[in-house]
N, C-alpha and C. Protein backbone atom coordinates (compact mmCIF):
# COMPACT_ATOMS: atom_id res chain seq x y z
N MET A 1 -5.69 -40.88 3.52
CA MET A 1 -5.33 -42.26 3.72
C MET A 1 -4.46 -42.44 4.96
N VAL A 2 -3.84 -41.34 5.42
CA VAL A 2 -3.11 -41.41 6.69
C VAL A 2 -4.10 -41.74 7.80
N GLY A 3 -5.24 -41.06 7.82
CA GLY A 3 -6.27 -41.30 8.83
C GLY A 3 -6.85 -42.71 8.77
N GLU A 4 -6.78 -43.33 7.62
CA GLU A 4 -7.27 -44.71 7.44
C GLU A 4 -6.17 -45.73 7.71
N SER A 5 -4.98 -45.27 8.04
CA SER A 5 -3.79 -46.12 8.28
C SER A 5 -3.39 -46.95 7.05
N LEU A 6 -3.74 -46.47 5.87
CA LEU A 6 -3.28 -47.13 4.64
C LEU A 6 -1.88 -46.68 4.27
N ILE A 7 -1.53 -45.45 4.64
CA ILE A 7 -0.19 -44.92 4.42
C ILE A 7 0.29 -44.29 5.72
N ALA A 8 1.61 -44.25 5.90
CA ALA A 8 2.17 -43.65 7.10
C ALA A 8 2.32 -42.14 6.94
N CYS A 9 2.64 -41.69 5.72
CA CYS A 9 2.78 -40.25 5.47
C CYS A 9 2.76 -40.02 3.97
N SER A 10 2.66 -38.75 3.59
CA SER A 10 2.72 -38.40 2.18
C SER A 10 3.40 -37.05 2.03
N ASN A 11 4.01 -36.84 0.87
CA ASN A 11 4.64 -35.58 0.51
C ASN A 11 3.98 -35.07 -0.77
N PHE A 12 3.65 -33.79 -0.79
CA PHE A 12 2.99 -33.17 -1.94
C PHE A 12 3.95 -32.20 -2.62
N PHE A 13 3.93 -32.17 -3.95
CA PHE A 13 4.76 -31.21 -4.67
C PHE A 13 4.04 -30.80 -5.95
N GLU A 14 4.16 -29.51 -6.27
CA GLU A 14 3.53 -28.97 -7.49
C GLU A 14 4.38 -29.34 -8.70
N ILE A 15 3.70 -29.71 -9.78
CA ILE A 15 4.39 -30.05 -11.02
C ILE A 15 3.65 -29.45 -12.21
N SER A 16 4.38 -29.20 -13.27
CA SER A 16 3.79 -28.81 -14.56
C SER A 16 3.85 -30.05 -15.45
N SER A 17 2.74 -30.36 -16.09
CA SER A 17 2.67 -31.58 -16.88
C SER A 17 2.30 -31.29 -18.33
N ILE A 18 2.81 -32.12 -19.20
CA ILE A 18 2.37 -32.14 -20.59
C ILE A 18 2.17 -33.62 -20.94
N TYR A 19 1.04 -33.93 -21.55
CA TYR A 19 0.72 -35.32 -21.83
C TYR A 19 -0.30 -35.39 -22.96
N LYS A 20 -0.39 -36.56 -23.56
CA LYS A 20 -1.36 -36.79 -24.62
C LYS A 20 -2.54 -37.54 -24.02
N TRP A 21 -3.74 -37.01 -24.22
CA TRP A 21 -4.96 -37.64 -23.71
C TRP A 21 -6.02 -37.60 -24.80
N LYS A 22 -6.45 -38.78 -25.21
CA LYS A 22 -7.47 -38.92 -26.25
C LYS A 22 -7.11 -38.14 -27.51
N GLY A 23 -5.82 -38.26 -27.92
CA GLY A 23 -5.37 -37.66 -29.16
C GLY A 23 -4.99 -36.19 -29.09
N LYS A 24 -5.16 -35.56 -27.93
CA LYS A 24 -4.83 -34.14 -27.78
C LYS A 24 -3.66 -33.96 -26.83
N ILE A 25 -2.81 -32.99 -27.14
CA ILE A 25 -1.74 -32.61 -26.23
C ILE A 25 -2.34 -31.72 -25.14
N GLU A 26 -2.15 -32.11 -23.91
CA GLU A 26 -2.68 -31.37 -22.76
C GLU A 26 -1.53 -30.83 -21.93
N ARG A 27 -1.74 -29.71 -21.31
CA ARG A 27 -0.79 -29.12 -20.37
C ARG A 27 -1.56 -28.75 -19.12
N GLY A 28 -0.90 -28.85 -17.99
CA GLY A 28 -1.61 -28.48 -16.77
C GLY A 28 -0.71 -28.45 -15.55
N LYS A 29 -1.23 -27.88 -14.51
CA LYS A 29 -0.59 -27.88 -13.20
C LYS A 29 -1.21 -29.02 -12.41
N GLU A 30 -0.38 -29.81 -11.78
CA GLU A 30 -0.86 -30.94 -11.01
C GLU A 30 -0.11 -31.00 -9.68
N ILE A 31 -0.57 -31.86 -8.81
CA ILE A 31 0.10 -32.12 -7.55
C ILE A 31 0.56 -33.57 -7.57
N GLY A 32 1.85 -33.78 -7.41
CA GLY A 32 2.40 -35.13 -7.27
C GLY A 32 2.42 -35.50 -5.80
N ILE A 33 2.19 -36.74 -5.50
CA ILE A 33 2.17 -37.19 -4.11
C ILE A 33 3.02 -38.45 -3.97
N LEU A 34 3.95 -38.42 -3.02
CA LEU A 34 4.69 -39.62 -2.64
C LEU A 34 4.03 -40.17 -1.39
N MET A 35 3.65 -41.42 -1.40
CA MET A 35 3.00 -42.03 -0.24
C MET A 35 3.84 -43.20 0.25
N LYS A 36 4.03 -43.26 1.56
CA LYS A 36 4.82 -44.34 2.14
C LYS A 36 3.89 -45.35 2.80
N THR A 37 4.01 -46.59 2.37
CA THR A 37 3.20 -47.66 2.93
C THR A 37 4.00 -48.95 2.85
N LYS A 38 3.40 -50.03 3.24
CA LYS A 38 4.09 -51.32 3.13
C LYS A 38 3.52 -52.12 1.96
N LYS A 39 4.32 -53.04 1.48
CA LYS A 39 3.99 -53.81 0.28
C LYS A 39 2.63 -54.50 0.39
N SER A 40 2.29 -54.98 1.57
CA SER A 40 1.03 -55.71 1.74
C SER A 40 -0.20 -54.83 1.54
N LEU A 41 -0.03 -53.51 1.57
CA LEU A 41 -1.17 -52.59 1.39
C LEU A 41 -1.25 -52.01 -0.02
N LYS A 42 -0.34 -52.42 -0.90
CA LYS A 42 -0.28 -51.85 -2.25
C LYS A 42 -1.64 -51.86 -2.95
N LYS A 43 -2.30 -52.99 -2.98
CA LYS A 43 -3.58 -53.11 -3.69
C LYS A 43 -4.64 -52.19 -3.08
N LYS A 44 -4.72 -52.14 -1.76
CA LYS A 44 -5.71 -51.27 -1.10
C LYS A 44 -5.44 -49.81 -1.37
N VAL A 45 -4.16 -49.42 -1.36
CA VAL A 45 -3.80 -48.02 -1.62
C VAL A 45 -4.16 -47.65 -3.06
N ILE A 46 -3.85 -48.52 -4.01
CA ILE A 46 -4.19 -48.25 -5.41
C ILE A 46 -5.70 -48.09 -5.56
N GLU A 47 -6.47 -48.98 -4.99
CA GLU A 47 -7.94 -48.89 -5.07
C GLU A 47 -8.44 -47.58 -4.47
N ARG A 48 -7.88 -47.18 -3.33
CA ARG A 48 -8.32 -45.96 -2.65
C ARG A 48 -7.96 -44.72 -3.46
N VAL A 49 -6.76 -44.70 -4.05
CA VAL A 49 -6.37 -43.57 -4.90
C VAL A 49 -7.36 -43.43 -6.05
N LYS A 50 -7.70 -44.54 -6.69
CA LYS A 50 -8.66 -44.50 -7.80
C LYS A 50 -10.03 -44.01 -7.36
N GLU A 51 -10.44 -44.33 -6.14
CA GLU A 51 -11.72 -43.84 -5.61
C GLU A 51 -11.69 -42.34 -5.37
N LEU A 52 -10.57 -41.83 -4.89
CA LEU A 52 -10.48 -40.43 -4.47
C LEU A 52 -10.05 -39.48 -5.58
N HIS A 53 -9.31 -39.97 -6.56
CA HIS A 53 -8.70 -39.09 -7.57
C HIS A 53 -9.72 -38.62 -8.59
N PRO A 54 -9.64 -37.34 -8.99
CA PRO A 54 -10.60 -36.84 -9.98
C PRO A 54 -10.34 -37.33 -11.41
N TYR A 55 -9.12 -37.78 -11.72
CA TYR A 55 -8.82 -38.26 -13.06
C TYR A 55 -9.39 -39.66 -13.27
N LYS A 56 -9.82 -39.92 -14.49
CA LYS A 56 -10.29 -41.26 -14.84
C LYS A 56 -9.14 -42.27 -14.79
N LEU A 57 -7.93 -41.81 -15.13
CA LEU A 57 -6.76 -42.67 -15.15
C LEU A 57 -5.60 -41.97 -14.43
N PRO A 58 -5.58 -42.01 -13.09
CA PRO A 58 -4.49 -41.35 -12.36
C PRO A 58 -3.17 -42.10 -12.55
N CYS A 59 -2.09 -41.37 -12.51
CA CYS A 59 -0.76 -41.97 -12.61
C CYS A 59 -0.41 -42.57 -11.25
N ILE A 60 -0.31 -43.88 -11.21
CA ILE A 60 0.06 -44.59 -9.99
C ILE A 60 1.28 -45.44 -10.33
N ILE A 61 2.41 -45.11 -9.71
CA ILE A 61 3.66 -45.83 -9.94
C ILE A 61 4.16 -46.32 -8.59
N ILE A 62 4.56 -47.57 -8.54
CA ILE A 62 5.04 -48.18 -7.29
C ILE A 62 6.56 -48.31 -7.35
N PHE A 63 7.23 -47.81 -6.32
CA PHE A 63 8.66 -48.00 -6.14
C PHE A 63 8.86 -48.87 -4.91
N GLU A 64 9.46 -50.01 -5.09
CA GLU A 64 9.80 -50.83 -3.93
C GLU A 64 11.15 -50.34 -3.44
N ILE A 65 11.23 -50.07 -2.13
CA ILE A 65 12.42 -49.44 -1.59
C ILE A 65 13.03 -50.24 -0.45
N ASP A 66 14.26 -49.93 -0.21
CA ASP A 66 14.96 -50.38 0.98
C ASP A 66 15.53 -49.11 1.59
N GLY A 67 15.69 -49.08 2.85
CA GLY A 67 16.21 -47.87 3.47
C GLY A 67 16.50 -48.08 4.93
N ASP A 68 16.54 -46.97 5.63
CA ASP A 68 16.81 -46.99 7.06
C ASP A 68 15.79 -47.87 7.78
N ARG A 69 16.27 -48.85 8.50
CA ARG A 69 15.38 -49.82 9.17
C ARG A 69 14.45 -49.15 10.17
N ASP A 70 14.92 -48.12 10.86
CA ASP A 70 14.06 -47.42 11.82
C ASP A 70 12.89 -46.73 11.10
N PHE A 71 13.17 -46.11 9.95
CA PHE A 71 12.11 -45.47 9.19
C PHE A 71 11.12 -46.51 8.66
N LEU A 72 11.63 -47.58 8.10
CA LEU A 72 10.76 -48.63 7.56
C LEU A 72 9.92 -49.28 8.67
N LYS A 73 10.49 -49.41 9.85
CA LYS A 73 9.74 -49.94 11.00
C LYS A 73 8.61 -48.98 11.36
N TRP A 74 8.90 -47.68 11.35
CA TRP A 74 7.87 -46.68 11.65
C TRP A 74 6.73 -46.77 10.64
N VAL A 75 7.05 -46.88 9.34
CA VAL A 75 6.02 -47.02 8.30
C VAL A 75 5.15 -48.23 8.61
N SER A 76 5.77 -49.33 8.96
CA SER A 76 5.02 -50.56 9.27
C SER A 76 4.13 -50.38 10.48
N GLU A 77 4.63 -49.70 11.50
CA GLU A 77 3.85 -49.50 12.73
C GLU A 77 2.67 -48.55 12.54
N GLU A 78 2.80 -47.62 11.60
CA GLU A 78 1.76 -46.61 11.40
C GLU A 78 0.68 -47.03 10.41
N THR A 79 0.83 -48.21 9.82
CA THR A 79 -0.16 -48.69 8.85
C THR A 79 -0.78 -49.98 9.36
N ILE A 80 -1.95 -50.31 8.78
CA ILE A 80 -2.68 -51.49 9.25
C ILE A 80 -2.07 -52.78 8.74
């Protein structure tokens, strides 16, 4: 999605998960991803994640942030 200018950057981290899916307790290794984008692209990013993700129901959580203006300006400039 960086190449599509939907996000400015992303961070990947390995996680161990335990969750209930269709009545069964599941455990697994997963990759969590933090993606930086602007609010106006939220819907497009969610749609694209659902297209690309192998899970039928990927965990997508939105955090609205405030921060360093230079960083936020860079995110805005690097996205469509």
